[in-house]
Amino acid sequence: MTTGRLPVRARAAVAATRAVNALSRRLGAGSGSVAGGHVGLALDPRLLERLAAGRRVALVSGTNGKTTTTRLLAVAVGGALGRAATNATGSNMPAGHVTALAGAPPGAPAVLEVDEGYLPHLVASLAPETVVLLNLSRDQLDRTNEVRMVAGKWRAALSEAQAPSTTVVANADDPIVAWAAQRAAHPVWVGAGLPWRQDAVGCPACEGRIAFAAGATGEEGGWRCTCGFARPRLDVRLDGDCVVTADGRRLDLALALPGRFNRANAVMATAAAVTAGVDWDDALRRIADVDEVAGRFAVVEVAGCAARVMLAKNPAGWGELLDLVCPGDRAVVVGINARLADGRDPSWLWDVPFERLRGRTVVATGERCRDLSVRLRYAEVPHRTVRDQVAAVRAAWMAARGPVDFVGNYTAFTDLLARTTRTGA
């Protein structure tokens, strides 16, 4: 739908959205991805539905990997369907969705990252062609729903009765996700792996116990409960650096983004692109050169020091990033805040395996650096505590005389990124 064909009220709301976002960027008050959307929705509460009408819409949700998978999917469909409208900065609630669509050409496909709690509402209001479900684990439980409650709402919203034309691309290695997608009309089951299983051991079907077999994504792997609930037959799976399709094809997954978790994000994004009509080879070729996502994994300059910056928000994400950084010899700076966007309760620190940092040069930083320091002491990780993040990176660089890895939770990451200069990957 073109702006000219929108109702008068909606056209005014779109104009206000664009104007407020532009002003926000000009004043340095933000990225211009949220404020305007709030104004637009205040003027027309149905603005998001109106802007999405006539578009092919894909939604991406889950606890970890949403921003990266959304970026990869938007890139993958770009060749076949045209440049996608997307909320590239991770503004994953309705105001951010409005901003993404208000600035997009008429008829452009939409690939939108969606907060877990908002997914049922968007499925009902936008009738998406595709929904991608990545994983579910504990995340900011001081202000969000328990994992099983989120899954129950997904299950109801994505049932065949409620979403008869939606294809659900689901990570079959996560029992909670598989249960949420079980009643979908058109499920596509992807073996993307699930290293963090602490939130998935209870069977959502009978409240029994899930038993995981060795090999999270191999044909001999999987999971099962005594009630009969088990991992569905896979349509596609990740196998090291390859994507394996149901017919046995092995396709090379050459990815510039580092880490097993990003390969998992890539196989989910590629499977979703294929359901939209994109060729496997074309989708994999297009995503291969993506080397950063909203600043994640970028190499930046911090007070004259080179640092690779990464974001982790919860125990599952931290575990994956520690797997990435710990085999190296770089100094590691860990930044922890506990603002509203991070979750006020930092007790999750005790679920993160910081013991893996033993033997490394480690600096604890951020507003809750003392909480982190206590956790590191119990993990027997020698470290320094420097509250200011730039000073912490500088201290780590001086100690190691080389590049630094910075891993921070949400506001720690964004605060540091705002004080850096991009140097390249």
Protein backbone atom coordinates (compact mmCIF):
# COMPACT_ATOMS: atom_id res chain seq x y z
CA MET A 1 0.00 0.00 0.00
CA THR A 2 1.42 3.37 -0.98
CA THR A 3 1.33 6.26 1.45
CA GLY A 4 -1.10 8.05 -0.87
CA ARG A 5 -3.61 5.19 -0.59
CA LEU A 6 -3.57 5.21 3.21
CA PRO A 7 -6.41 6.91 5.09
CA VAL A 8 -5.80 10.56 5.92
CA ARG A 9 -5.18 9.80 9.59
CA ALA A 10 -2.62 7.13 8.73
CA ARG A 11 -0.83 9.44 6.27
CA ALA A 12 -0.54 12.06 9.01
CA ALA A 13 0.78 9.41 11.39
CA VAL A 14 3.43 8.30 8.87
CA ALA A 15 4.53 11.91 8.35
CA ALA A 16 4.77 12.41 12.10
CA THR A 17 6.73 9.18 12.51
CA ARG A 18 9.31 10.23 9.96
CA ALA A 19 9.59 13.78 11.29
CA VAL A 20 10.05 12.79 14.93
CA ASN A 21 12.62 10.13 14.08
CA ALA A 22 14.58 12.60 11.95
CA LEU A 23 14.51 15.14 14.77
CA SER A 24 15.64 12.50 17.26
CA ARG A 25 18.68 11.70 15.10
CA ARG A 26 19.46 15.38 14.52
CA LEU A 27 19.40 16.14 18.25
CA GLY A 28 21.47 13.07 19.09
CA ALA A 29 18.66 11.80 21.29
CA GLY A 30 18.70 8.30 19.81
CA SER A 31 18.91 6.26 16.63
CA GLY A 32 15.56 7.51 15.35
CA SER A 33 14.02 4.04 15.41
CA VAL A 34 11.49 4.26 18.27
CA ALA A 35 10.33 7.76 19.20
CA GLY A 36 8.58 8.44 15.90
CA GLY A 37 6.85 5.07 16.02
CA HIS A 38 5.32 5.91 19.39
CA VAL A 39 3.97 9.17 17.97
CA GLY A 40 2.62 7.45 14.87
CA LEU A 41 0.79 4.80 16.91
CA ALA A 42 -0.65 7.48 19.19
CA LEU A 43 -2.13 9.21 16.14
CA ASP A 44 -3.35 5.96 14.53
CA PRO A 45 -3.41 2.81 16.72
CA ARG A 46 -3.87 0.66 13.59
CA LEU A 47 -0.90 2.18 11.78
CA LEU A 48 1.22 -0.98 11.89
CA GLU A 49 -1.54 -3.10 10.33
CA ARG A 50 -2.12 -0.52 7.61
CA LEU A 51 1.58 -0.27 6.75
CA ALA A 52 1.96 -4.07 6.62
CA ALA A 53 -1.06 -4.61 4.35
CA GLY A 54 -0.07 -6.00 0.96
CA ARG A 55 3.46 -6.94 2.04
CA ARG A 56 5.05 -10.36 2.46
CA VAL A 57 5.87 -10.36 6.18
CA ALA A 58 8.34 -12.54 8.10
CA LEU A 59 8.67 -12.30 11.88
CA VAL A 60 11.69 -13.50 13.89
CA SER A 61 11.49 -14.15 17.62
CA GLY A 62 13.29 -15.96 20.42
CA THR A 63 15.41 -15.21 23.45
CA ASN A 64 18.79 -15.07 21.71
CA GLY A 65 19.82 -14.41 18.11
CA LYS A 66 16.83 -12.33 16.98
CA THR A 67 18.76 -9.33 15.65
CA THR A 68 21.35 -11.42 13.81
CA THR A 69 18.81 -13.83 12.30
CA THR A 70 16.63 -10.92 11.20
CA ARG A 71 19.58 -9.27 9.48
CA LEU A 72 20.61 -12.50 7.76
CA LEU A 73 17.06 -13.24 6.60
CA ALA A 74 16.63 -9.69 5.26
CA VAL A 75 19.87 -10.06 3.30
CA ALA A 76 18.97 -13.55 2.07
CA VAL A 77 15.62 -12.50 0.60
CA GLY A 78 16.96 -9.24 -0.81
CA GLY A 79 17.95 -10.65 -4.18
CA ALA A 80 14.78 -12.57 -4.97
CA LEU A 81 12.13 -10.39 -3.34
CA GLY A 82 13.75 -6.96 -3.32
CA ARG A 83 15.24 -5.02 -0.46
CA ALA A 84 13.35 -5.81 2.73
CA ALA A 85 11.97 -3.35 5.24
CA THR A 86 13.53 -4.32 8.56
CA ASN A 87 14.21 -3.04 12.07
CA ALA A 88 17.97 -3.50 11.75
CA THR A 89 18.89 -1.92 15.09
CA GLY A 90 16.84 -4.37 17.15
CA SER A 91 13.93 -2.06 18.02
CA ASN A 92 11.63 -5.06 18.29
CA MET A 93 8.36 -3.68 19.65
CA PRO A 94 5.51 -2.06 17.67
CA ALA A 95 7.04 1.43 17.65
CA GLY A 96 10.17 0.04 16.00
CA HIS A 97 8.10 -1.96 13.52
CA VAL A 98 6.17 1.15 12.51
CA THR A 99 9.43 3.01 11.93
CA ALA A 100 10.78 0.20 9.75
CA LEU A 101 7.67 0.11 7.56
CA ALA A 102 7.08 3.87 7.42
CA GLY A 103 10.40 4.37 5.68
CA ALA A 104 10.09 1.44 3.26
CA PRO A 105 9.05 1.52 -0.41
CA PRO A 106 5.49 0.39 -1.20
CA GLY A 107 5.18 -3.37 -1.46
CA ALA A 108 8.67 -4.13 -0.13
CA PRO A 109 8.78 -7.36 1.89
CA ALA A 110 9.11 -6.94 5.65
CA VAL A 111 11.48 -8.91 7.90
CA LEU A 112 10.85 -7.86 11.48
CA GLU A 113 12.51 -8.84 14.74
CA VAL A 114 9.83 -9.25 17.42
CA ASP A 115 10.09 -9.29 21.19
CA GLU A 116 8.91 -12.66 22.52
CA GLY A 117 6.01 -11.14 24.43
CA TYR A 118 4.69 -9.20 21.43
CA LEU A 119 4.81 -12.07 18.93
CA PRO A 120 1.22 -13.35 19.48
CA HIS A 121 -0.17 -9.84 18.94
CA LEU A 122 1.75 -9.37 15.69
CA VAL A 123 0.80 -12.81 14.38
CA ALA A 124 -2.86 -11.97 14.95
CA SER A 125 -2.72 -8.47 13.47
CA LEU A 126 -0.31 -8.95 10.54
CA ALA A 127 -1.02 -12.55 9.41
CA PRO A 128 2.67 -13.10 8.52
CA GLU A 129 3.73 -15.44 5.76
CA THR A 130 6.61 -16.78 7.89
CA VAL A 131 7.45 -16.88 11.59
CA VAL A 132 10.92 -17.94 12.76
CA LEU A 133 11.22 -19.33 16.30
CA LEU A 134 14.81 -19.55 17.55
CA ASN A 135 14.92 -20.58 21.23
CA LEU A 136 13.46 -19.81 24.64
CA SER A 137 15.39 -19.44 27.89
CA ARG A 138 15.40 -17.31 31.03
CA ASP A 139 15.84 -13.61 30.30
CA GLN A 140 15.00 -10.68 32.59
CA LEU A 141 12.44 -12.57 34.64
CA ASP A 142 12.07 -9.51 36.87
CA ARG A 143 10.02 -7.91 34.10
CA THR A 144 9.06 -10.60 31.58
CA ASN A 145 7.09 -13.84 31.66
CA GLU A 146 8.45 -17.24 32.61
CA VAL A 147 9.61 -19.31 29.63
CA ARG A 148 6.75 -21.82 29.70
CA MET A 149 4.18 -19.02 29.82
CA VAL A 150 5.70 -17.40 26.72
CA ALA A 151 5.68 -20.75 24.91
CA GLY A 152 2.02 -21.28 25.76
CA LYS A 153 1.07 -17.97 24.23
CA TRP A 154 3.11 -18.77 21.12
CA ARG A 155 1.44 -22.17 20.84
CA ALA A 156 -2.04 -20.64 20.94
CA ALA A 157 -1.20 -17.86 18.46
CA LEU A 158 0.52 -20.15 15.94
CA SER A 159 -2.01 -22.97 15.90
CA GLU A 160 -3.55 -23.92 12.58
CA ALA A 161 -6.85 -22.42 13.71
CA GLN A 162 -5.29 -19.02 14.44
CA ALA A 163 -2.60 -18.84 11.73
CA PRO A 164 -3.72 -21.16 8.90
CA SER A 165 -1.52 -19.64 6.20
CA THR A 166 1.66 -19.05 8.26
CA THR A 167 4.79 -21.18 7.83
CA VAL A 168 6.57 -21.61 11.15
CA VAL A 169 10.33 -22.23 10.89
CA ALA A 170 11.20 -23.65 14.31
CA ASN A 171 14.35 -24.83 16.04
CA ALA A 172 13.43 -28.46 16.67
CA ASP A 173 16.36 -28.94 19.05
CA ASP A 174 14.62 -26.75 21.65
CA PRO A 175 11.73 -28.77 23.18
CA ILE A 176 9.97 -25.61 24.36
CA VAL A 177 10.04 -24.14 20.84
CA ALA A 178 8.97 -27.45 19.30
CA TRP A 179 5.98 -27.58 21.65
CA ALA A 180 5.07 -23.99 20.77
CA ALA A 181 5.17 -24.81 17.04
CA GLN A 182 3.61 -28.27 17.30
CA ARG A 183 0.12 -27.17 16.19
CA ALA A 184 1.28 -24.94 13.33
CA ALA A 185 -0.33 -25.52 9.96
CA HIS A 186 2.97 -25.49 8.07
CA PRO A 187 5.96 -26.25 10.33
CA VAL A 188 9.54 -26.42 9.02
CA TRP A 189 11.75 -28.22 11.54
CA VAL A 190 15.37 -27.09 11.75
CA GLY A 191 18.13 -28.79 13.74
CA ALA A 192 20.01 -25.69 14.90
CA GLY A 193 21.31 -27.04 18.22
CA LEU A 194 20.69 -26.13 21.85
CA PRO A 195 23.84 -25.93 24.02
CA TRP A 196 21.92 -24.31 26.92
CA ARG A 197 19.44 -26.93 28.11
CA GLN A 198 18.75 -25.85 31.69
CA ASP A 199 15.43 -24.28 30.71
CA ALA A 200 14.35 -27.19 28.50
CA VAL A 201 14.61 -30.24 30.74
CA GLY A 202 10.97 -30.14 31.85
CA CYS A 203 8.55 -31.59 29.31
CA PRO A 204 5.98 -28.94 28.31
CA ALA A 205 3.53 -31.65 27.25
CA CYS A 206 3.32 -33.68 30.48
CA GLU A 207 5.63 -31.95 32.99
CA GLY A 208 7.91 -34.99 32.95
CA ARG A 209 11.60 -34.88 32.16
CA ILE A 210 13.16 -34.46 28.71
CA ALA A 211 16.07 -36.80 27.97
CA PHE A 212 18.65 -35.44 25.55
CA ALA A 213 20.68 -37.83 23.41
CA ALA A 214 24.31 -37.21 22.50
CA GLY A 215 24.74 -35.04 19.43
CA ALA A 216 22.34 -32.11 19.52
CA THR A 217 21.75 -31.95 15.77
CA GLY A 218 23.00 -35.25 14.38
CA GLU A 219 20.67 -37.96 13.14
CA GLU A 220 21.54 -39.98 16.25
CA GLY A 221 20.83 -37.03 18.52
CA GLY A 222 17.64 -35.33 19.59
CA TRP A 223 15.47 -35.50 22.68
CA ARG A 224 12.45 -37.41 23.97
CA CYS A 225 10.07 -37.65 26.93
CA THR A 226 8.45 -40.86 28.18
CA CYS A 227 5.05 -39.39 27.28
CA GLY A 228 5.98 -39.66 23.59
CA PHE A 229 6.74 -36.00 22.97
CA ALA A 230 9.99 -36.03 20.97
CA ARG A 231 12.04 -34.02 18.53
CA PRO A 232 10.20 -33.83 15.18
CA ARG A 233 11.73 -35.25 12.02
CA LEU A 234 14.11 -32.60 10.70
CA ASP A 235 13.64 -30.81 7.40
CA VAL A 236 17.10 -29.23 7.56
CA ARG A 237 19.95 -29.29 10.04
CA LEU A 238 23.26 -27.67 10.86
CA ASP A 239 26.26 -30.00 10.72
CA GLY A 240 29.48 -28.13 11.53
CA ASP A 241 30.09 -25.77 8.62
CA CYS A 242 27.43 -27.38 6.43
CA VAL A 243 23.69 -27.15 5.99
CA VAL A 244 22.12 -30.58 5.39
CA THR A 245 18.72 -30.67 3.70
CA ALA A 246 16.05 -33.36 4.02
CA ASP A 247 17.08 -34.89 0.68
CA GLY A 248 20.68 -35.29 1.87
CA ARG A 249 22.27 -32.32 0.12
CA ARG A 250 25.27 -30.88 1.98
CA LEU A 251 25.76 -27.17 1.37
CA ASP A 252 28.79 -25.22 2.57
CA LEU A 253 28.00 -22.54 5.15
CA ALA A 254 30.74 -19.95 4.71
CA LEU A 255 29.99 -17.23 7.25
CA ALA A 256 32.00 -14.14 8.18
CA LEU A 257 30.25 -13.91 11.57
CA PRO A 258 32.10 -15.98 14.19
CA GLY A 259 30.81 -18.71 16.47
CA ARG A 260 28.57 -21.78 16.49
CA PHE A 261 25.59 -19.67 17.55
CA ASN A 262 25.87 -17.53 14.42
CA ARG A 263 25.95 -20.63 12.23
CA ALA A 264 22.74 -21.66 14.01
CA ASN A 265 21.23 -18.25 13.28
CA ALA A 266 22.32 -18.61 9.66
CA VAL A 267 20.69 -22.01 9.11
CA MET A 268 17.44 -20.69 10.60
CA ALA A 269 17.53 -17.59 8.37
CA THR A 270 18.37 -19.61 5.27
CA ALA A 271 15.59 -22.12 5.90
CA ALA A 272 13.14 -19.22 6.27
CA ALA A 273 14.38 -17.64 3.03
CA VAL A 274 13.87 -20.92 1.18
CA THR A 275 10.25 -21.09 2.35
CA ALA A 276 9.83 -17.66 0.75
CA GLY A 277 11.05 -19.02 -2.60
CA VAL A 278 14.76 -18.20 -2.44
CA ASP A 279 17.20 -20.83 -3.73
CA TRP A 280 19.42 -22.46 -1.10
CA ASP A 281 22.66 -21.58 -2.87
CA ASP A 282 21.59 -17.99 -3.48
CA ALA A 283 20.55 -17.47 0.13
CA LEU A 284 23.81 -18.89 1.49
CA ARG A 285 25.86 -16.82 -0.94
CA ARG A 286 24.10 -13.61 0.05
CA ILE A 287 24.57 -14.02 3.81
CA ALA A 288 28.22 -15.08 3.60
CA ASP A 289 29.65 -11.55 3.68
CA VAL A 290 27.68 -10.21 6.65
CA ASP A 291 30.44 -9.53 9.19
CA GLU A 292 28.65 -7.51 11.88
CA VAL A 293 25.11 -6.87 13.06
CA ALA A 294 24.17 -3.58 14.74
CA GLY A 295 27.75 -3.22 15.95
CA ARG A 296 28.08 -6.77 17.26
CA PHE A 297 31.44 -8.37 16.43
CA ALA A 298 32.79 -5.09 15.02
CA VAL A 299 36.38 -4.12 15.75
CA VAL A 300 36.40 -0.60 17.16
CA GLU A 301 38.88 1.87 18.62
CA VAL A 302 38.43 2.68 22.29
CA ALA A 303 40.78 5.40 23.55
CA GLY A 304 43.38 4.30 21.02
CA CYS A 305 42.93 0.58 21.75
CA ALA A 306 41.52 -2.02 19.36
CA ALA A 307 38.58 -3.98 20.76
CA ARG A 308 36.15 -6.50 19.33
CA VAL A 309 32.75 -5.75 20.88
CA MET A 310 30.09 -8.36 21.59
CA LEU A 311 26.68 -8.45 23.26
CA ALA A 312 25.35 -11.12 25.66
CA LYS A 313 22.15 -10.68 27.65
CA ASN A 314 21.47 -13.87 29.62
CA PRO A 315 23.14 -17.12 30.73
CA ALA A 316 22.48 -18.90 27.44
CA GLY A 317 24.01 -16.08 25.40
CA TRP A 318 26.96 -15.68 27.74
CA GLY A 319 27.73 -19.37 27.53
CA GLU A 320 27.89 -19.22 23.73
CA LEU A 321 30.13 -16.12 23.71
CA LEU A 322 32.49 -17.58 26.30
CA ASP A 323 32.85 -20.58 24.00
CA LEU A 324 33.91 -18.11 21.31
CA VAL A 325 36.38 -15.97 23.26
CA CYS A 326 37.93 -18.45 25.67
CA PRO A 327 40.05 -20.47 23.21
CA GLY A 328 41.98 -17.27 22.35
CA ASP A 329 44.58 -15.33 24.31
CA ARG A 330 43.13 -11.81 24.17
CA ALA A 331 42.39 -9.84 27.30
CA VAL A 332 38.67 -9.95 28.12
CA VAL A 333 36.65 -7.02 29.46
CA VAL A 334 33.25 -7.95 30.89
CA GLY A 335 30.72 -5.12 31.23
CA ILE A 336 27.59 -5.45 33.38
CA ASN A 337 24.81 -2.91 33.99
CA ALA A 338 21.38 -3.54 35.51
CA ARG A 339 19.12 -0.90 34.02
CA LEU A 340 15.56 -1.50 32.87
CA ALA A 341 16.69 -2.66 29.41
CA ASP A 342 19.08 -5.18 31.01
CA GLY A 343 16.79 -6.39 33.78
CA ARG A 344 17.21 -4.95 37.25
CA ASP A 345 18.17 -8.26 38.84
CA PRO A 346 21.77 -9.35 38.09
CA SER A 347 21.53 -12.65 39.99
CA TRP A 348 21.76 -14.43 36.62
CA LEU A 349 25.52 -13.85 36.84
CA TRP A 350 25.72 -16.99 39.00
CA ASP A 351 24.39 -19.10 36.11
CA VAL A 352 27.16 -17.98 33.72
CA PRO A 353 30.23 -20.28 33.55
CA PHE A 354 32.81 -17.54 34.13
CA GLU A 355 35.20 -20.27 35.30
CA ARG A 356 36.16 -20.59 31.64
CA LEU A 357 38.03 -17.26 31.93
CA ARG A 358 40.66 -18.66 34.29
CA GLY A 359 44.16 -17.92 33.05
CA ARG A 360 43.09 -14.91 30.99
CA THR A 361 43.62 -11.20 31.60
CA VAL A 362 40.16 -10.12 32.80
CA VAL A 363 38.76 -6.71 33.72
CA ALA A 364 35.30 -6.29 35.29
CA THR A 365 33.50 -3.07 34.41
CA GLY A 366 30.12 -1.35 34.24
CA GLU A 367 27.69 -0.08 36.85
CA ARG A 368 27.42 -3.51 38.51
CA CYS A 369 31.11 -4.35 38.25
CA ARG A 370 31.28 -5.16 41.96
CA ASP A 371 28.53 -7.79 41.65
CA LEU A 372 30.50 -9.22 38.75
CA SER A 373 33.73 -9.07 40.77
CA VAL A 374 32.18 -11.20 43.51
CA ARG A 375 31.08 -13.75 40.93
CA LEU A 376 34.55 -13.82 39.36
CA ARG A 377 36.17 -14.32 42.76
CA TYR A 378 34.00 -17.37 43.40
CA ALA A 379 34.90 -18.59 39.91
CA GLU A 380 38.59 -18.22 40.90
CA VAL A 381 39.24 -15.80 38.02
CA PRO A 382 41.90 -13.19 38.88
CA HIS A 383 40.77 -9.81 37.59
CA ARG A 384 40.80 -6.04 37.96
CA THR A 385 37.70 -3.95 38.62
CA VAL A 386 37.42 -0.66 36.70
CA ARG A 387 33.96 0.92 36.70
CA ASP A 388 34.40 3.18 33.64
CA GLN A 389 34.20 1.04 30.51
CA VAL A 390 36.63 3.02 28.37
CA ALA A 391 39.18 3.02 31.18
CA ALA A 392 38.59 -0.72 31.59
CA VAL A 393 39.36 -1.42 27.93
CA ARG A 394 42.45 0.75 28.19
CA ALA A 395 43.60 -1.13 31.30
CA ALA A 396 43.10 -4.50 29.61
CA TRP A 397 44.94 -3.37 26.50
CA MET A 398 47.88 -2.08 28.57
CA ALA A 399 48.05 -5.36 30.51
CA ALA A 400 47.92 -7.59 27.43
CA ARG A 401 49.64 -5.27 24.95
CA GLY A 402 47.22 -6.27 22.24
CA PRO A 403 43.60 -6.33 21.03
CA VAL A 404 40.84 -6.79 23.58
CA ASP A 405 37.52 -8.67 23.55
CA PHE A 406 34.72 -6.69 25.19
CA VAL A 407 31.57 -8.61 26.13
CA GLY A 408 28.76 -6.65 27.74
CA ASN A 409 25.08 -6.91 28.45
CA TYR A 410 22.69 -4.63 26.59
CA THR A 411 23.28 -1.12 27.96
CA ALA A 412 26.94 -1.84 28.74
CA PHE A 413 27.41 -2.77 25.08
CA THR A 414 25.51 0.22 23.68
CA ASP A 415 27.22 2.67 26.06
CA LEU A 416 30.67 1.53 24.98
CA LEU A 417 29.73 1.46 21.31
CA ALA A 418 28.65 5.11 21.53
CA ARG A 419 32.16 6.03 22.70
CA THR A 420 34.10 4.23 19.98
CA THR A 421 35.47 4.72 16.48
CA ARG A 422 34.92 1.98 13.91
CA THR A 423 38.20 0.51 12.59
CA GLY A 424 36.99 -2.53 10.62
CA ALA A 425 36.52 -6.24 11.18
